[in-house]
Amino acid sequence: MRAAVALSLAFVALAGATAMYDYKPGQFLVIDGGTSPDKKFSIVIGENKAGEFGVYLRDAQAKKLIGQLEEVATGLDSAPDAYHAHWAPDSKHVGITSRADRHWADNAIYRIENRCAYPVKTPELLCHAVPEFCRLTKELGGALTEDQIYAEDTLGKPWKARQNSSYSGIVKWISPTRFVVSEESQGQVKERDPSATLGQYGEAEKLEDESNESAAFYHVSFDAEGECELLPNDESRVLNTQPVKEQKTKE
């Protein structure tokens, strides 16, 4: 429960201020939780001698960089404590959560073997937990992000389903091959009431359409935790999910 509350607070903080750090060329700092349990590796962030910013796997004992982790989102923050690593107990896998922008936190997972990092497919809880909602958004043309809506021009293209914010991160490792992921998102749906498709995993609130259109306009939230499993060939799957309920303070 404490982990769920902490992650919920982390999600709220997505819209917070950018966490910045002024690195010197060649300087690298260990991110939050970045050192592996066996103390052999660490996840560091900084600028190489050419001044290029990135996240790297480093030999924790020799203090030498092994390779850049290009799948980790670095679009917003630069401070090391804004990046969070979650190592498997055997130090053979690690998940890294970071922000692509103020409302978007990604979860990148890697397999560590032979001093190399191999990307692992990140599990997604939404369509496993509420498949009817995913079918609904697909019928409406897909849940578009802001970048997709405004990719062509500043006016934006028409949409019926959109995703405004997203958070995904590993809560804990149950074993070397199983882990728990927390996933939260918010968005909007037009024309169709999505309430029944969300079940216990979220809520839909009918709002006045900001564009003054006659179509119904709904704000949608989704919050879940799911047990996931690593598979061969750097794949993964969701085993089960459960809704995360907001804790109410007693008066």
C-alpha atoms as a PDB file:
ATOM      1  CA  MET A   1       0.000   0.000   0.000  1.00  0.00           C
ATOM      2  CA  ARG A   2       2.844   2.415   0.824  1.00  0.00           C
ATOM      3  CA  ALA A   3       4.401   1.718  -2.561  1.00  0.00           C
ATOM      4  CA  ALA A   4       1.091   2.379  -4.312  1.00  0.00           C
ATOM      5  CA  VAL A   5       0.644   5.689  -2.473  1.00  0.00           C
ATOM      6  CA  ALA A   6       4.226   6.724  -3.298  1.00  0.00           C
ATOM      7  CA  LEU A   7       3.708   5.966  -6.980  1.00  0.00           C
ATOM      8  CA  SER A   8       0.423   7.857  -6.966  1.00  0.00           C
ATOM      9  CA  LEU A   9       2.234  10.883  -5.563  1.00  0.00           C
ATOM     10  CA  ALA A  10       4.935  10.432  -8.192  1.00  0.00           C
ATOM     11  CA  PHE A  11       2.280  10.499 -10.893  1.00  0.00           C
ATOM     12  CA  VAL A  12       0.834  13.732  -9.521  1.00  0.00           C
ATOM     13  CA  ALA A  13       4.360  15.177  -9.628  1.00  0.00           C
ATOM     14  CA  LEU A  14       4.532  14.601 -13.376  1.00  0.00           C
ATOM     15  CA  ALA A  15       3.178  18.080 -13.956  1.00  0.00           C
ATOM     16  CA  GLY A  16       5.727  19.544 -11.556  1.00  0.00           C
ATOM     17  CA  ALA A  17       8.820  21.569 -12.262  1.00  0.00           C
ATOM     18  CA  THR A  18      11.612  20.229 -14.415  1.00  0.00           C
ATOM     19  CA  ALA A  19      14.455  18.670 -12.379  1.00  0.00           C
ATOM     20  CA  MET A  20      17.697  20.067 -13.803  1.00  0.00           C
ATOM     21  CA  TYR A  21      21.407  19.538 -13.117  1.00  0.00           C
ATOM     22  CA  ASP A  22      24.353  21.259 -14.783  1.00  0.00           C
ATOM     23  CA  TYR A  23      26.835  18.521 -15.708  1.00  0.00           C
ATOM     24  CA  LYS A  24      30.438  19.070 -16.621  1.00  0.00           C
ATOM     25  CA  PRO A  25      31.658  17.239 -19.736  1.00  0.00           C
ATOM     26  CA  GLY A  26      32.562  13.703 -18.738  1.00  0.00           C
ATOM     27  CA  GLN A  27      30.657  13.878 -15.436  1.00  0.00           C
ATOM     28  CA  PHE A  28      28.201  11.057 -14.594  1.00  0.00           C
ATOM     29  CA  LEU A  29      26.060  10.546 -11.491  1.00  0.00           C
ATOM     30  CA  VAL A  30      24.210   7.433 -10.281  1.00  0.00           C
ATOM     31  CA  ILE A  31      20.416   7.737 -10.595  1.00  0.00           C
ATOM     32  CA  ASP A  32      17.970   6.884  -7.798  1.00  0.00           C
ATOM     33  CA  GLY A  33      18.291   3.146  -7.053  1.00  0.00           C
ATOM     34  CA  GLY A  34      20.886   2.883  -9.798  1.00  0.00           C
ATOM     35  CA  THR A  35      23.375   0.479  -8.200  1.00  0.00           C
ATOM     36  CA  SER A  36      22.705  -3.222  -8.844  1.00  0.00           C
ATOM     37  CA  PRO A  37      22.224  -5.568  -5.836  1.00  0.00           C
ATOM     38  CA  ASP A  38      25.513  -7.353  -6.602  1.00  0.00           C
ATOM     39  CA  LYS A  39      27.292  -3.955  -6.744  1.00  0.00           C
ATOM     40  CA  LYS A  40      28.788  -4.765 -10.166  1.00  0.00           C
ATOM     41  CA  PHE A  41      26.779  -2.277 -12.259  1.00  0.00           C
ATOM     42  CA  SER A  42      25.181   1.115 -11.939  1.00  0.00           C
ATOM     43  CA  ILE A  43      22.857   3.246 -14.024  1.00  0.00           C
ATOM     44  CA  VAL A  44      24.349   6.705 -14.445  1.00  0.00           C
ATOM     45  CA  ILE A  45      23.356   9.912 -16.176  1.00  0.00           C
ATOM     46  CA  GLY A  46      25.419  12.779 -17.490  1.00  0.00           C
ATOM     47  CA  GLU A  47      27.287  14.214 -20.457  1.00  0.00           C
ATOM     48  CA  ASN A  48      30.079  12.588 -22.400  1.00  0.00           C
ATOM     49  CA  LYS A  49      33.166  14.542 -23.354  1.00  0.00           C
ATOM     50  CA  ALA A  50      31.396  15.805 -26.468  1.00  0.00           C
ATOM     51  CA  GLY A  51      28.672  17.320 -24.248  1.00  0.00           C
ATOM     52  CA  GLU A  52      26.017  14.786 -25.299  1.00  0.00           C
ATOM     53  CA  PHE A  53      23.473  13.992 -22.553  1.00  0.00           C
ATOM     54  CA  GLY A  54      22.350  10.409 -21.886  1.00  0.00           C
ATOM     55  CA  VAL A  55      21.735   7.477 -19.537  1.00  0.00           C
ATOM     56  CA  TYR A  56      24.373   4.722 -19.412  1.00  0.00           C
ATOM     57  CA  LEU A  57      25.142   1.317 -17.928  1.00  0.00           C
ATOM     58  CA  ARG A  58      28.442   1.579 -16.038  1.00  0.00           C
ATOM     59  CA  ASP A  59      30.858  -0.842 -14.440  1.00  0.00           C
ATOM     60  CA  ALA A  60      30.358   0.152 -10.796  1.00  0.00           C
ATOM     61  CA  GLN A  61      33.759  -1.091  -9.709  1.00  0.00           C
ATOM     62  CA  ALA A  62      35.952   0.187 -12.544  1.00  0.00           C
ATOM     63  CA  LYS A  63      33.790   3.340 -13.007  1.00  0.00           C
ATOM     64  CA  LYS A  64      33.851   2.825 -16.784  1.00  0.00           C
ATOM     65  CA  LEU A  65      30.860   3.296 -19.090  1.00  0.00           C
ATOM     66  CA  ILE A  66      29.635   0.133 -20.824  1.00  0.00           C
ATOM     67  CA  GLY A  67      26.967   1.531 -23.151  1.00  0.00           C
ATOM     68  CA  GLN A  68      24.171   4.060 -23.552  1.00  0.00           C
ATOM     69  CA  LEU A  69      20.590   3.066 -22.682  1.00  0.00           C
ATOM     70  CA  GLU A  70      18.901   4.796 -25.605  1.00  0.00           C
ATOM     71  CA  GLU A  71      15.349   3.640 -24.787  1.00  0.00           C
ATOM     72  CA  VAL A  72      15.281   5.625 -21.517  1.00  0.00           C
ATOM     73  CA  ALA A  73      13.288   8.844 -21.899  1.00  0.00           C
ATOM     74  CA  THR A  74      15.462  11.951 -21.399  1.00  0.00           C
ATOM     75  CA  GLY A  75      13.174  14.564 -22.888  1.00  0.00           C
ATOM     76  CA  LEU A  76      12.525  16.617 -19.760  1.00  0.00           C
ATOM     77  CA  ASP A  77      14.696  16.101 -16.664  1.00  0.00           C
ATOM     78  CA  SER A  78      18.457  15.998 -16.243  1.00  0.00           C
ATOM     79  CA  ALA A  79      18.862  15.625 -12.446  1.00  0.00           C
ATOM     80  CA  PRO A  80      19.844  12.081 -11.356  1.00  0.00           C
ATOM     81  CA  ASP A  81      17.114  11.820  -8.698  1.00  0.00           C
ATOM     82  CA  ALA A  82      14.443  12.324 -11.391  1.00  0.00           C
ATOM     83  CA  TYR A  83      15.360   8.918 -12.870  1.00  0.00           C
ATOM     84  CA  HIS A  84      14.409   5.764 -10.948  1.00  0.00           C
ATOM     85  CA  ALA A  85      15.962   2.299 -11.378  1.00  0.00           C
ATOM     86  CA  HIS A  86      14.377  -0.933 -10.137  1.00  0.00           C
ATOM     87  CA  TRP A  87      16.832  -3.849 -10.200  1.00  0.00           C
ATOM     88  CA  ALA A  88      15.823  -7.515 -10.145  1.00  0.00           C
ATOM     89  CA  PRO A  89      17.228  -9.322  -7.068  1.00  0.00           C
ATOM     90  CA  ASP A  90      19.714 -11.276  -9.190  1.00  0.00           C
ATOM     91  CA  SER A  91      20.966  -8.094 -10.954  1.00  0.00           C
ATOM     92  CA  LYS A  92      20.102  -9.561 -14.380  1.00  0.00           C
ATOM     93  CA  HIS A  93      17.281  -7.144 -15.229  1.00  0.00           C
ATOM     94  CA  VAL A  94      16.550  -3.511 -14.455  1.00  0.00           C
ATOM     95  CA  GLY A  95      13.590  -1.214 -15.060  1.00  0.00           C
ATOM     96  CA  ILE A  96      14.126   2.553 -15.410  1.00  0.00           C
ATOM     97  CA  THR A  97      11.328   5.107 -15.111  1.00  0.00           C
ATOM     98  CA  SER A  98      11.792   8.664 -16.394  1.00  0.00           C
ATOM     99  CA  ARG A  99       9.793  11.510 -17.901  1.00  0.00           C
ATOM    100  CA  ALA A 100       9.511  12.148 -21.612  1.00  0.00           C
ATOM    101  CA  ASP A 101       7.600  15.350 -20.814  1.00  0.00           C
ATOM    102  CA  ARG A 102       5.704  16.849 -17.885  1.00  0.00           C
ATOM    103  CA  HIS A 103       2.776  14.449 -18.224  1.00  0.00           C
ATOM    104  CA  TRP A 104       4.482  11.330 -19.550  1.00  0.00           C
ATOM    105  CA  ALA A 105       6.708   8.869 -17.637  1.00  0.00           C
ATOM    106  CA  ASP A 106       8.051   5.829 -19.481  1.00  0.00           C
ATOM    107  CA  ASN A 107       9.243   2.480 -18.160  1.00  0.00           C
ATOM    108  CA  ALA A 108      12.237   0.953 -19.976  1.00  0.00           C
ATOM    109  CA  ILE A 109      13.372  -2.563 -19.022  1.00  0.00           C
ATOM    110  CA  TYR A 110      16.752  -4.142 -19.828  1.00  0.00           C
ATOM    111  CA  ARG A 111      18.350  -7.575 -19.556  1.00  0.00           C
ATOM    112  CA  ILE A 112      21.960  -7.362 -18.377  1.00  0.00           C
ATOM    113  CA  GLU A 113      24.161 -10.143 -19.722  1.00  0.00           C
ATOM    114  CA  ASN A 114      27.833 -10.378 -20.741  1.00  0.00           C
ATOM    115  CA  ARG A 115      28.301  -6.728 -19.778  1.00  0.00           C
ATOM    116  CA  CYS A 116      25.650  -5.624 -22.288  1.00  0.00           C
ATOM    117  CA  ALA A 117      22.131  -4.230 -21.899  1.00  0.00           C
ATOM    118  CA  TYR A 118      19.360  -5.672 -24.089  1.00  0.00           C
ATOM    119  CA  PRO A 119      15.935  -3.929 -24.272  1.00  0.00           C
ATOM    120  CA  VAL A 120      12.981  -5.986 -23.008  1.00  0.00           C
ATOM    121  CA  LYS A 121       9.432  -5.416 -24.235  1.00  0.00           C
ATOM    122  CA  THR A 122       7.653  -3.369 -21.567  1.00  0.00           C
ATOM    123  CA  PRO A 123       4.264  -4.800 -20.483  1.00  0.00           C
ATOM    124  CA  GLU A 124       1.187  -2.567 -20.734  1.00  0.00           C
ATOM    125  CA  LEU A 125      -1.662  -3.048 -18.271  1.00  0.00           C
ATOM    126  CA  LEU A 126      -4.433  -0.990 -19.873  1.00  0.00           C
ATOM    127  CA  CYS A 127      -5.684  -3.376 -22.540  1.00  0.00           C
ATOM    128  CA  HIS A 128      -5.198  -6.399 -20.276  1.00  0.00           C
ATOM    129  CA  ALA A 129      -7.254  -4.829 -17.482  1.00  0.00           C
ATOM    130  CA  VAL A 130      -9.972  -3.115 -19.560  1.00  0.00           C
ATOM    131  CA  PRO A 131     -10.025  -4.669 -23.060  1.00  0.00           C
ATOM    132  CA  GLU A 132     -13.478  -3.217 -23.776  1.00  0.00           C
ATOM    133  CA  PHE A 133     -12.126   0.298 -23.288  1.00  0.00           C
ATOM    134  CA  CYS A 134      -9.275  -0.410 -25.705  1.00  0.00           C
ATOM    135  CA  ARG A 135     -11.759  -1.715 -28.281  1.00  0.00           C
ATOM    136  CA  LEU A 136     -13.859   1.426 -27.826  1.00  0.00           C
ATOM    137  CA  THR A 137     -10.920   3.784 -28.371  1.00  0.00           C
ATOM    138  CA  LYS A 138      -9.866   1.736 -31.417  1.00  0.00           C
ATOM    139  CA  GLU A 139     -13.358   2.167 -32.886  1.00  0.00           C
ATOM    140  CA  LEU A 140     -12.963   5.913 -32.310  1.00  0.00           C
ATOM    141  CA  GLY A 141      -9.698   6.018 -34.251  1.00  0.00           C
ATOM    142  CA  GLY A 142      -7.279   5.209 -31.425  1.00  0.00           C
ATOM    143  CA  ALA A 143      -6.237   7.153 -28.323  1.00  0.00           C
ATOM    144  CA  LEU A 144      -4.039   9.864 -29.824  1.00  0.00           C
ATOM    145  CA  THR A 145      -1.378  11.705 -27.868  1.00  0.00           C
ATOM    146  CA  GLU A 146      -0.852  15.454 -28.036  1.00  0.00           C
ATOM    147  CA  ASP A 147       2.198  14.970 -30.279  1.00  0.00           C
ATOM    148  CA  GLN A 148       0.105  12.926 -32.720  1.00  0.00           C
ATOM    149  CA  ILE A 149      -2.737  15.449 -32.729  1.00  0.00           C
ATOM    150  CA  TYR A 150      -0.458  18.412 -33.426  1.00  0.00           C
ATOM    151  CA  ALA A 151       2.125  16.626 -35.577  1.00  0.00           C
ATOM    152  CA  GLU A 152       0.956  18.158 -38.847  1.00  0.00           C
ATOM    153  CA  ASP A 153      -0.062  21.699 -37.930  1.00  0.00           C
ATOM    154  CA  THR A 154      -0.740  23.950 -34.954  1.00  0.00           C
ATOM    155  CA  LEU A 155      -4.508  23.669 -35.365  1.00  0.00           C
ATOM    156  CA  GLY A 156      -4.465  19.947 -34.646  1.00  0.00           C
ATOM    157  CA  LYS A 157      -6.327  17.160 -36.391  1.00  0.00           C
ATOM    158  CA  PRO A 158      -9.785  15.955 -35.294  1.00  0.00           C
ATOM    159  CA  TRP A 159      -9.883  13.278 -32.599  1.00  0.00           C
ATOM    160  CA  LYS A 160     -12.463  11.252 -30.679  1.00  0.00           C
ATOM    161  CA  ALA A 161     -10.122   9.664 -28.118  1.00  0.00           C
ATOM    162  CA  ARG A 162      -6.914  11.099 -26.711  1.00  0.00           C
ATOM    163  CA  GLN A 163      -4.411  10.302 -23.958  1.00  0.00           C
ATOM    164  CA  ASN A 164      -3.185  13.319 -21.991  1.00  0.00           C
ATOM    165  CA  SER A 165      -0.910  11.744 -19.410  1.00  0.00           C
ATOM    166  CA  SER A 166       0.674   8.404 -18.603  1.00  0.00           C
ATOM    167  CA  TYR A 167       2.830   6.868 -15.868  1.00  0.00           C
ATOM    168  CA  SER A 168       4.343   3.383 -15.841  1.00  0.00           C
ATOM    169  CA  GLY A 169       6.899   2.027 -13.398  1.00  0.00           C
ATOM    170  CA  ILE A 170       8.010  -1.118 -11.614  1.00  0.00           C
ATOM    171  CA  VAL A 171       6.824  -1.187  -7.996  1.00  0.00           C
ATOM    172  CA  LYS A 172       8.804  -4.240  -6.889  1.00  0.00           C
ATOM    173  CA  TRP A 173      10.378  -7.498  -8.027  1.00  0.00           C
ATOM    174  CA  ILE A 174       8.706 -10.638  -6.681  1.00  0.00           C
ATOM    175  CA  SER A 175      11.421 -12.916  -8.078  1.00  0.00           C
ATOM    176  CA  PRO A 176      14.172 -12.680 -10.739  1.00  0.00           C
ATOM    177  CA  THR A 177      11.520 -13.172 -13.453  1.00  0.00           C
ATOM    178  CA  ARG A 178       8.349 -11.639 -11.971  1.00  0.00           C
ATOM    179  CA  PHE A 179       7.610  -8.052 -11.032  1.00  0.00           C
ATOM    180  CA  VAL A 180       4.742  -5.674 -10.261  1.00  0.00           C
ATOM    181  CA  VAL A 181       4.041  -2.663 -12.477  1.00  0.00           C
ATOM    182  CA  SER A 182       1.964   0.388 -11.592  1.00  0.00           C
ATOM    183  CA  GLU A 183       0.246   2.167 -14.481  1.00  0.00           C
ATOM    184  CA  GLU A 184      -1.868   5.333 -14.468  1.00  0.00           C
ATOM    185  CA  SER A 185      -3.256   7.438 -17.292  1.00  0.00           C
ATOM    186  CA  GLN A 186      -5.747  10.192 -18.047  1.00  0.00           C
ATOM    187  CA  GLY A 187      -7.462  11.247 -21.246  1.00  0.00           C
ATOM    188  CA  GLN A 188     -10.691  12.187 -22.985  1.00  0.00           C
ATOM    189  CA  VAL A 189     -13.309  10.461 -25.108  1.00  0.00           C
ATOM    190  CA  LYS A 190     -15.919  12.102 -27.355  1.00  0.00           C
ATOM    191  CA  GLU A 191     -19.356  10.860 -28.453  1.00  0.00           C
ATOM    192  CA  ARG A 192     -19.329   7.545 -26.540  1.00  0.00           C
ATOM    193  CA  ASP A 193     -19.767   7.082 -22.779  1.00  0.00           C
ATOM    194  CA  PRO A 194     -16.794   4.900 -21.679  1.00  0.00           C
ATOM    195  CA  SER A 195     -17.968   4.405 -18.074  1.00  0.00           C
ATOM    196  CA  ALA A 196     -19.088   0.790 -18.444  1.00  0.00           C
ATOM    197  CA  THR A 197     -15.845  -0.247 -20.169  1.00  0.00           C
ATOM    198  CA  LEU A 198     -13.591   0.862 -17.290  1.00  0.00           C
ATOM    199  CA  GLY A 199     -15.058  -1.357 -14.572  1.00  0.00           C
ATOM    200  CA  GLN A 200     -13.289  -0.847 -11.241  1.00  0.00           C
ATOM    201  CA  TYR A 201     -10.093   0.391 -12.902  1.00  0.00           C
ATOM    202  CA  GLY A 202     -11.119   3.969 -13.551  1.00  0.00           C
ATOM    203  CA  GLU A 203     -13.752   6.647 -13.831  1.00  0.00           C
ATOM    204  CA  ALA A 204     -15.370   8.679 -16.594  1.00  0.00           C
ATOM    205  CA  GLU A 205     -16.742  12.148 -15.893  1.00  0.00           C
ATOM    206  CA  LYS A 206     -18.968  13.915 -18.405  1.00  0.00           C
ATOM    207  CA  LEU A 207     -17.778  17.462 -19.105  1.00  0.00           C
ATOM    208  CA  GLU A 208     -18.759  20.409 -21.185  1.00  0.00           C
ATOM    209  CA  ASP A 209     -16.976  20.166 -24.533  1.00  0.00           C
ATOM    210  CA  GLU A 210     -14.384  22.941 -24.693  1.00  0.00           C
ATOM    211  CA  SER A 211     -14.891  23.252 -28.438  1.00  0.00           C
ATOM    212  CA  ASN A 212     -18.641  23.927 -27.963  1.00  0.00           C
ATOM    213  CA  GLU A 213     -19.555  20.889 -30.048  1.00  0.00           C
ATOM    214  CA  SER A 214     -22.805  19.030 -29.458  1.00  0.00           C
ATOM    215  CA  ALA A 215     -21.055  15.664 -28.941  1.00  0.00           C
ATOM    216  CA  ALA A 216     -20.695  14.296 -25.409  1.00  0.00           C
ATOM    217  CA  PHE A 217     -17.255  14.824 -23.856  1.00  0.00           C
ATOM    218  CA  TYR A 218     -15.790  12.595 -21.098  1.00  0.00           C
ATOM    219  CA  HIS A 219     -12.686  12.863 -18.940  1.00  0.00           C
ATOM    220  CA  VAL A 220     -11.249   9.373 -18.286  1.00  0.00           C
ATOM    221  CA  SER A 221      -8.826   8.108 -15.607  1.00  0.00           C
ATOM    222  CA  PHE A 222      -7.217   4.659 -15.267  1.00  0.00           C
ATOM    223  CA  ASP A 223      -5.213   3.275 -12.330  1.00  0.00           C
ATOM    224  CA  ALA A 224      -3.968  -0.302 -11.969  1.00  0.00           C
ATOM    225  CA  GLU A 225      -1.237  -2.580 -10.693  1.00  0.00           C
ATOM    226  CA  GLY A 226      -0.291  -5.789 -12.453  1.00  0.00           C
ATOM    227  CA  GLU A 227       1.932  -8.788 -11.895  1.00  0.00           C
ATOM    228  CA  CYS A 228       4.132  -9.363 -14.943  1.00  0.00           C
ATOM    229  CA  GLU A 229       6.527 -12.059 -16.092  1.00  0.00           C
ATOM    230  CA  LEU A 230       9.672 -12.054 -18.193  1.00  0.00           C
ATOM    231  CA  LEU A 231       9.645 -14.407 -21.178  1.00  0.00           C
ATOM    232  CA  PRO A 232      12.331 -15.759 -23.541  1.00  0.00           C
ATOM    233  CA  ASN A 233      13.580 -13.544 -26.399  1.00  0.00           C
ATOM    234  CA  ASP A 234      13.276 -10.412 -24.230  1.00  0.00           C
ATOM    235  CA  GLU A 235       9.478 -10.511 -24.215  1.00  0.00           C
ATOM    236  CA  SER A 236       7.140 -10.021 -21.242  1.00  0.00           C
ATOM    237  CA  ARG A 237       3.495 -10.530 -20.403  1.00  0.00           C
ATOM    238  CA  VAL A 238       0.874  -9.405 -17.893  1.00  0.00           C
ATOM    239  CA  LEU A 239      -0.303 -12.248 -15.641  1.00  0.00           C
ATOM    240  CA  ASN A 240      -3.001 -10.426 -13.685  1.00  0.00           C
ATOM    241  CA  THR A 241      -4.134  -6.931 -12.746  1.00  0.00           C
ATOM    242  CA  GLN A 242      -5.995  -5.249  -9.931  1.00  0.00           C
ATOM    243  CA  PRO A 243      -7.463  -1.740  -9.588  1.00  0.00           C
ATOM    244  CA  VAL A 244      -5.797   0.800  -7.320  1.00  0.00           C
ATOM    245  CA  LYS A 245      -8.286   2.707  -5.235  1.00  0.00           C
ATOM    246  CA  GLU A 246      -7.660   6.209  -3.934  1.00  0.00           C
ATOM    247  CA  GLN A 247      -7.308   6.268  -0.171  1.00  0.00           C
ATOM    248  CA  LYS A 248      -9.750   8.636   1.523  1.00  0.00           C
ATOM    249  CA  THR A 249      -8.757  10.491   4.675  1.00  0.00           C
ATOM    250  CA  LYS A 250     -11.048   9.899   7.664  1.00  0.00           C
ATOM    251  CA  GLU A 251     -12.605  13.028   9.067  1.00  0.00           C
END
